[in-house]
Amino acid sequence: RIVSVPIQPSFWFDLGKPEQLQNAE
């Protein structure tokens, strides 16, 4: 049983790229 559990945090950042780092900062 491998299931999806949706989340809705106030913030979530994937910091794989420089522009994403800047957005999070």
PDB file of all heavy atoms in Angstrom:
ATOM      1  N   ARG A   1       0.852  -1.185   0.000  1.00  0.00           N
ATOM      2  CA  ARG A   1       0.000   0.000   0.000  1.00  0.00           C
ATOM      3  C   ARG A   1       0.890   1.239   0.000  1.00  0.00           C
ATOM      4  O   ARG A   1       1.432   1.654   1.025  1.00  0.00           O
ATOM      5  CB  ARG A   1      -0.908  -0.022   1.227  1.00  0.00           C
ATOM      6  CG  ARG A   1      -1.838   1.167   1.341  1.00  0.00           C
ATOM      7  CD  ARG A   1      -3.194   0.923   0.744  1.00  0.00           C
ATOM      8  NE  ARG A   1      -4.057   2.069   1.040  1.00  0.00           N
ATOM      9  CZ  ARG A   1      -4.651   2.807   0.126  1.00  0.00           C
ATOM     10  NH1 ARG A   1      -4.506   2.527  -1.156  1.00  0.00           N
ATOM     11  NH2 ARG A   1      -5.416   3.825   0.466  1.00  0.00           N
ATOM     12  N   ILE A   2       1.071   1.842  -1.176  1.00  0.00           N
ATOM     13  CA  ILE A   2       1.914   3.025  -1.369  1.00  0.00           C
ATOM     14  C   ILE A   2       0.977   4.163  -1.752  1.00  0.00           C
ATOM     15  O   ILE A   2       0.445   4.184  -2.861  1.00  0.00           O
ATOM     16  CB  ILE A   2       2.961   2.792  -2.482  1.00  0.00           C
ATOM     17  CG1 ILE A   2       3.675   1.435  -2.331  1.00  0.00           C
ATOM     18  CG2 ILE A   2       3.944   3.944  -2.525  1.00  0.00           C
ATOM     19  CD1 ILE A   2       4.500   1.298  -1.074  1.00  0.00           C
ATOM     20  N   VAL A   3       0.761   5.111  -0.852  1.00  0.00           N
ATOM     21  CA  VAL A   3      -0.316   6.069  -1.049  1.00  0.00           C
ATOM     22  C   VAL A   3       0.158   7.517  -1.109  1.00  0.00           C
ATOM     23  O   VAL A   3       1.223   7.862  -0.610  1.00  0.00           O
ATOM     24  CB  VAL A   3      -1.395   5.932   0.060  1.00  0.00           C
ATOM     25  CG1 VAL A   3      -1.933   4.516   0.115  1.00  0.00           C
ATOM     26  CG2 VAL A   3      -0.841   6.335   1.421  1.00  0.00           C
ATOM     27  N   SER A   4      -0.685   8.334  -1.715  1.00  0.00           N
ATOM     28  CA  SER A   4      -0.483   9.778  -1.771  1.00  0.00           C
ATOM     29  C   SER A   4      -1.096  10.432  -0.544  1.00  0.00           C
ATOM     30  O   SER A   4      -2.247  10.155  -0.195  1.00  0.00           O
ATOM     31  CB  SER A   4      -1.144  10.341  -3.030  1.00  0.00           C
ATOM     32  OG  SER A   4      -1.240  11.751  -2.973  1.00  0.00           O
ATOM     33  N   VAL A   5      -0.334  11.292   0.113  1.00  0.00           N
ATOM     34  CA  VAL A   5      -0.851  12.109   1.214  1.00  0.00           C
ATOM     35  C   VAL A   5      -0.573  13.571   0.855  1.00  0.00           C
ATOM     36  O   VAL A   5       0.557  14.044   0.973  1.00  0.00           O
ATOM     37  CB  VAL A   5      -0.189  11.736   2.558  1.00  0.00           C
ATOM     38  CG1 VAL A   5      -0.671  12.664   3.672  1.00  0.00           C
ATOM     39  CG2 VAL A   5      -0.500  10.282   2.913  1.00  0.00           C
ATOM     40  N   PRO A   6      -1.594  14.284   0.372  1.00  0.00           N
ATOM     41  CA  PRO A   6      -1.395  15.674  -0.043  1.00  0.00           C
ATOM     42  C   PRO A   6      -1.045  16.576   1.136  1.00  0.00           C
ATOM     43  O   PRO A   6      -1.568  16.405   2.249  1.00  0.00           O
ATOM     44  CB  PRO A   6      -2.744  16.063  -0.653  1.00  0.00           C
ATOM     45  CG  PRO A   6      -3.397  14.755  -1.005  1.00  0.00           C
ATOM     46  CD  PRO A   6      -2.947  13.803   0.056  1.00  0.00           C
ATOM     47  N   ILE A   7      -0.151  17.529   0.891  1.00  0.00           N
ATOM     48  CA  ILE A   7       0.232  18.504   1.914  1.00  0.00           C
ATOM     49  C   ILE A   7       0.032  19.910   1.365  1.00  0.00           C
ATOM     50  O   ILE A   7       0.120  20.142   0.158  1.00  0.00           O
ATOM     51  CB  ILE A   7       1.694  18.319   2.356  1.00  0.00           C
ATOM     52  CG1 ILE A   7       2.648  18.374   1.138  1.00  0.00           C
ATOM     53  CG2 ILE A   7       1.869  17.016   3.128  1.00  0.00           C
ATOM     54  CD1 ILE A   7       4.118  18.418   1.502  1.00  0.00           C
ATOM     55  N   GLN A   8      -0.260  20.846   2.261  1.00  0.00           N
ATOM     56  CA  GLN A   8      -0.414  22.255   1.898  1.00  0.00           C
ATOM     57  C   GLN A   8       0.287  23.126   2.939  1.00  0.00           C
ATOM     58  O   GLN A   8      -0.355  23.835   3.709  1.00  0.00           O
ATOM     59  CB  GLN A   8      -1.899  22.626   1.795  1.00  0.00           C
ATOM     60  CG  GLN A   8      -2.619  21.965   0.629  1.00  0.00           C
ATOM     61  CD  GLN A   8      -4.067  22.416   0.534  1.00  0.00           C
ATOM     62  OE1 GLN A   8      -4.832  22.358   1.493  1.00  0.00           O
ATOM     63  NE2 GLN A   8      -4.452  22.899  -0.643  1.00  0.00           N
ATOM     64  N   PRO A   9       1.626  23.074   2.976  1.00  0.00           N
ATOM     65  CA  PRO A   9       2.365  23.884   3.951  1.00  0.00           C
ATOM     66  C   PRO A   9       2.308  25.361   3.596  1.00  0.00           C
ATOM     67  O   PRO A   9       1.982  25.733   2.457  1.00  0.00           O
ATOM     68  CB  PRO A   9       3.788  23.342   3.842  1.00  0.00           C
ATOM     69  CG  PRO A   9       3.881  22.849   2.425  1.00  0.00           C
ATOM     70  CD  PRO A   9       2.516  22.310   2.093  1.00  0.00           C
ATOM     71  N   SER A  10       2.658  26.192   4.558  1.00  0.00           N
ATOM     72  CA  SER A  10       2.736  27.638   4.280  1.00  0.00           C
ATOM     73  C   SER A  10       3.821  27.928   3.258  1.00  0.00           C
ATOM     74  O   SER A  10       3.682  28.816   2.420  1.00  0.00           O
ATOM     75  CB  SER A  10       3.027  28.408   5.569  1.00  0.00           C
ATOM     76  OG  SER A  10       2.003  28.205   6.515  1.00  0.00           O
ATOM     77  N   PHE A  11       4.938  27.178   3.344  1.00  0.00           N
ATOM     78  CA  PHE A  11       5.979  27.331   2.332  1.00  0.00           C
ATOM     79  C   PHE A  11       6.648  25.987   2.088  1.00  0.00           C
ATOM     80  O   PHE A  11       6.721  25.125   2.970  1.00  0.00           O
ATOM     81  CB  PHE A  11       7.010  28.396   2.723  1.00  0.00           C
ATOM     82  CG  PHE A  11       7.830  28.075   3.946  1.00  0.00           C
ATOM     83  CD1 PHE A  11       9.019  27.355   3.836  1.00  0.00           C
ATOM     84  CD2 PHE A  11       7.444  28.523   5.206  1.00  0.00           C
ATOM     85  CE1 PHE A  11       9.787  27.073   4.962  1.00  0.00           C
ATOM     86  CE2 PHE A  11       8.207  28.239   6.336  1.00  0.00           C
ATOM     87  CZ  PHE A  11       9.379  27.516   6.205  1.00  0.00           C
ATOM     88  N   TRP A  12       7.090  25.812   0.861  1.00  0.00           N
ATOM     89  CA  TRP A  12       7.820  24.620   0.420  1.00  0.00           C
ATOM     90  C   TRP A  12       8.697  25.049  -0.740  1.00  0.00           C
ATOM     91  O   TRP A  12       8.215  25.619  -1.714  1.00  0.00           O
ATOM     92  CB  TRP A  12       6.838  23.528  -0.017  1.00  0.00           C
ATOM     93  CG  TRP A  12       7.492  22.283  -0.572  1.00  0.00           C
ATOM     94  CD1 TRP A  12       7.813  21.148   0.098  1.00  0.00           C
ATOM     95  CD2 TRP A  12       7.918  22.057  -1.924  1.00  0.00           C
ATOM     96  NE1 TRP A  12       8.404  20.239  -0.734  1.00  0.00           N
ATOM     97  CE2 TRP A  12       8.478  20.767  -1.998  1.00  0.00           C
ATOM     98  CE3 TRP A  12       7.865  22.833  -3.097  1.00  0.00           C
ATOM     99  CZ2 TRP A  12       8.988  20.240  -3.174  1.00  0.00           C
ATOM    100  CZ3 TRP A  12       8.380  22.302  -4.271  1.00  0.00           C
ATOM    101  CH2 TRP A  12       8.929  21.009  -4.303  1.00  0.00           C
ATOM    102  N   PHE A  13       9.988  24.813  -0.621  1.00  0.00           N
ATOM    103  CA  PHE A  13      10.927  25.194  -1.672  1.00  0.00           C
ATOM    104  C   PHE A  13      11.800  24.006  -2.058  1.00  0.00           C
ATOM    105  O   PHE A  13      12.340  23.315  -1.194  1.00  0.00           O
ATOM    106  CB  PHE A  13      11.836  26.344  -1.215  1.00  0.00           C
ATOM    107  CG  PHE A  13      11.127  27.640  -0.980  1.00  0.00           C
ATOM    108  CD1 PHE A  13      10.819  28.046   0.312  1.00  0.00           C
ATOM    109  CD2 PHE A  13      10.770  28.464  -2.037  1.00  0.00           C
ATOM    110  CE1 PHE A  13      10.160  29.249   0.543  1.00  0.00           C
ATOM    111  CE2 PHE A  13      10.115  29.668  -1.826  1.00  0.00           C
ATOM    112  CZ  PHE A  13       9.814  30.066  -0.528  1.00  0.00           C
ATOM    113  N   ASP A  14      11.924  23.785  -3.362  1.00  0.00           N
ATOM    114  CA  ASP A  14      12.894  22.849  -3.923  1.00  0.00           C
ATOM    115  C   ASP A  14      14.076  23.687  -4.390  1.00  0.00           C
ATOM    116  O   ASP A  14      13.948  24.474  -5.328  1.00  0.00           O
ATOM    117  CB  ASP A  14      12.254  22.090  -5.096  1.00  0.00           C
ATOM    118  CG  ASP A  14      13.249  21.194  -5.832  1.00  0.00           C
ATOM    119  OD1 ASP A  14      14.431  21.148  -5.429  1.00  0.00           O
ATOM    120  OD2 ASP A  14      12.847  20.550  -6.801  1.00  0.00           O
ATOM    121  N   LEU A  15      15.219  23.532  -3.721  1.00  0.00           N
ATOM    122  CA  LEU A  15      16.330  24.466  -3.923  1.00  0.00           C
ATOM    123  C   LEU A  15      17.401  23.899  -4.840  1.00  0.00           C
ATOM    124  O   LEU A  15      18.589  23.983  -4.560  1.00  0.00           O
ATOM    125  CB  LEU A  15      16.911  24.839  -2.557  1.00  0.00           C
ATOM    126  CG  LEU A  15      15.876  25.448  -1.595  1.00  0.00           C
ATOM    127  CD1 LEU A  15      16.480  25.666  -0.219  1.00  0.00           C
ATOM    128  CD2 LEU A  15      15.321  26.741  -2.165  1.00  0.00           C
ATOM    129  N   GLY A  16      16.977  23.336  -5.972  1.00  0.00           N
ATOM    130  CA  GLY A  16      17.920  22.744  -6.895  1.00  0.00           C
ATOM    131  C   GLY A  16      18.596  23.734  -7.824  1.00  0.00           C
ATOM    132  O   GLY A  16      19.607  23.416  -8.445  1.00  0.00           O
ATOM    133  N   LYS A  17      18.043  24.938  -7.951  1.00  0.00           N
ATOM    134  CA  LYS A  17      18.581  25.923  -8.884  1.00  0.00           C
ATOM    135  C   LYS A  17      18.854  27.238  -8.155  1.00  0.00           C
ATOM    136  O   LYS A  17      18.190  27.554  -7.162  1.00  0.00           O
ATOM    137  CB  LYS A  17      17.595  26.174 -10.023  1.00  0.00           C
ATOM    138  CG  LYS A  17      17.285  24.944 -10.866  1.00  0.00           C
ATOM    139  CD  LYS A  17      16.252  25.262 -11.941  1.00  0.00           C
ATOM    140  CE  LYS A  17      15.903  24.040 -12.763  1.00  0.00           C
ATOM    141  NZ  LYS A  17      14.869  24.325 -13.784  1.00  0.00           N
ATOM    142  N   PRO A  18      19.825  28.044  -8.653  1.00  0.00           N
ATOM    143  CA  PRO A  18      20.156  29.309  -7.983  1.00  0.00           C
ATOM    144  C   PRO A  18      18.965  30.237  -7.814  1.00  0.00           C
ATOM    145  O   PRO A  18      18.816  30.881  -6.765  1.00  0.00           O
ATOM    146  CB  PRO A  18      21.217  29.921  -8.914  1.00  0.00           C
ATOM    147  CG  PRO A  18      21.854  28.751  -9.579  1.00  0.00           C
ATOM    148  CD  PRO A  18      20.749  27.743  -9.767  1.00  0.00           C
ATOM    149  N   GLU A  19      18.089  30.326  -8.832  1.00  0.00           N
ATOM    150  CA  GLU A  19      16.934  31.232  -8.714  1.00  0.00           C
ATOM    151  C   GLU A  19      15.959  30.762  -7.648  1.00  0.00           C
ATOM    152  O   GLU A  19      15.287  31.581  -7.001  1.00  0.00           O
ATOM    153  CB  GLU A  19      16.227  31.372 -10.065  1.00  0.00           C
ATOM    154  CG  GLU A  19      15.671  30.089 -10.666  1.00  0.00           C
ATOM    155  CD  GLU A  19      16.641  29.400 -11.609  1.00  0.00           C
ATOM    156  OE1 GLU A  19      17.872  29.600 -11.452  1.00  0.00           O
ATOM    157  OE2 GLU A  19      16.167  28.669 -12.505  1.00  0.00           O
ATOM    158  N   GLN A  20      15.897  29.434  -7.423  1.00  0.00           N
ATOM    159  CA  GLN A  20      15.029  28.917  -6.369  1.00  0.00           C
ATOM    160  C   GLN A  20      15.599  29.244  -4.991  1.00  0.00           C
ATOM    161  O   GLN A  20      14.852  29.544  -4.051  1.00  0.00           O
ATOM    162  CB  GLN A  20      14.846  27.402  -6.545  1.00  0.00           C
ATOM    163  CG  GLN A  20      14.071  27.030  -7.804  1.00  0.00           C
ATOM    164  CD  GLN A  20      14.175  25.565  -8.164  1.00  0.00           C
ATOM    165  OE1 GLN A  20      15.179  24.908  -7.894  1.00  0.00           O
ATOM    166  NE2 GLN A  20      13.132  25.026  -8.789  1.00  0.00           N
ATOM    167  N   LEU A  21      16.908  29.211  -4.879  1.00  0.00           N
ATOM    168  CA  LEU A  21      17.559  29.639  -3.634  1.00  0.00           C
ATOM    169  C   LEU A  21      17.233  31.096  -3.335  1.00  0.00           C
ATOM    170  O   LEU A  21      16.914  31.457  -2.198  1.00  0.00           O
ATOM    171  CB  LEU A  21      19.074  29.474  -3.744  1.00  0.00           C
ATOM    172  CG  LEU A  21      19.708  28.166  -3.305  1.00  0.00           C
ATOM    173  CD1 LEU A  21      21.183  28.156  -3.673  1.00  0.00           C
ATOM    174  CD2 LEU A  21      19.532  27.938  -1.805  1.00  0.00           C
ATOM    175  N   GLN A  22      17.294  31.936  -4.351  1.00  0.00           N
ATOM    176  CA  GLN A  22      17.007  33.352  -4.171  1.00  0.00           C
ATOM    177  C   GLN A  22      15.551  33.577  -3.781  1.00  0.00           C
ATOM    178  O   GLN A  22      15.251  34.401  -2.909  1.00  0.00           O
ATOM    179  CB  GLN A  22      17.331  34.127  -5.451  1.00  0.00           C
ATOM    180  CG  GLN A  22      17.279  35.639  -5.278  1.00  0.00           C
ATOM    181  CD  GLN A  22      18.229  36.147  -4.211  1.00  0.00           C
ATOM    182  OE1 GLN A  22      19.432  35.895  -4.271  1.00  0.00           O
ATOM    183  NE2 GLN A  22      17.702  36.848  -3.203  1.00  0.00           N
ATOM    184  N   ASN A  23      14.633  32.838  -4.402  1.00  0.00           N
ATOM    185  CA  ASN A  23      13.224  32.966  -4.049  1.00  0.00           C
ATOM    186  C   ASN A  23      12.979  32.593  -2.589  1.00  0.00           C
ATOM    187  O   ASN A  23      12.220  33.266  -1.877  1.00  0.00           O
ATOM    188  CB  ASN A  23      12.359  32.066  -4.951  1.00  0.00           C
ATOM    189  CG  ASN A  23      12.304  32.549  -6.381  1.00  0.00           C
ATOM    190  OD1 ASN A  23      12.574  33.722  -6.656  1.00  0.00           O
ATOM    191  ND2 ASN A  23      11.960  31.669  -7.299  1.00  0.00           N
ATOM    192  N   ALA A  24      13.632  31.533  -2.153  1.00  0.00           N
ATOM    193  CA  ALA A  24      13.480  31.108  -0.747  1.00  0.00           C
ATOM    194  C   ALA A  24      14.071  32.132   0.204  1.00  0.00           C
ATOM    195  O   ALA A  24      13.495  32.445   1.240  1.00  0.00           O
ATOM    196  CB  ALA A  24      14.144  29.747  -0.554  1.00  0.00           C
ATOM    197  N   GLU A  25      15.221  32.680  -0.180  1.00  0.00           N
ATOM    198  CA  GLU A  25      15.870  33.714   0.652  1.00  0.00           C
ATOM    199  C   GLU A  25      14.959  34.946   0.780  1.00  0.00           C
ATOM    200  O   GLU A  25      14.802  35.490   1.873  1.00  0.00           O
ATOM    201  CB  GLU A  25      17.199  34.111   0.007  1.00  0.00           C
ATOM    202  CG  GLU A  25      17.983  35.134   0.790  1.00  0.00           C
ATOM    203  CD  GLU A  25      19.144  34.523   1.582  1.00  0.00           C
ATOM    204  OE1 GLU A  25      19.630  33.446   1.203  1.00  0.00           O
ATOM    205  OE2 GLU A  25      19.543  35.157   2.564  1.00  0.00           O
TER     206      GLU A  25
END
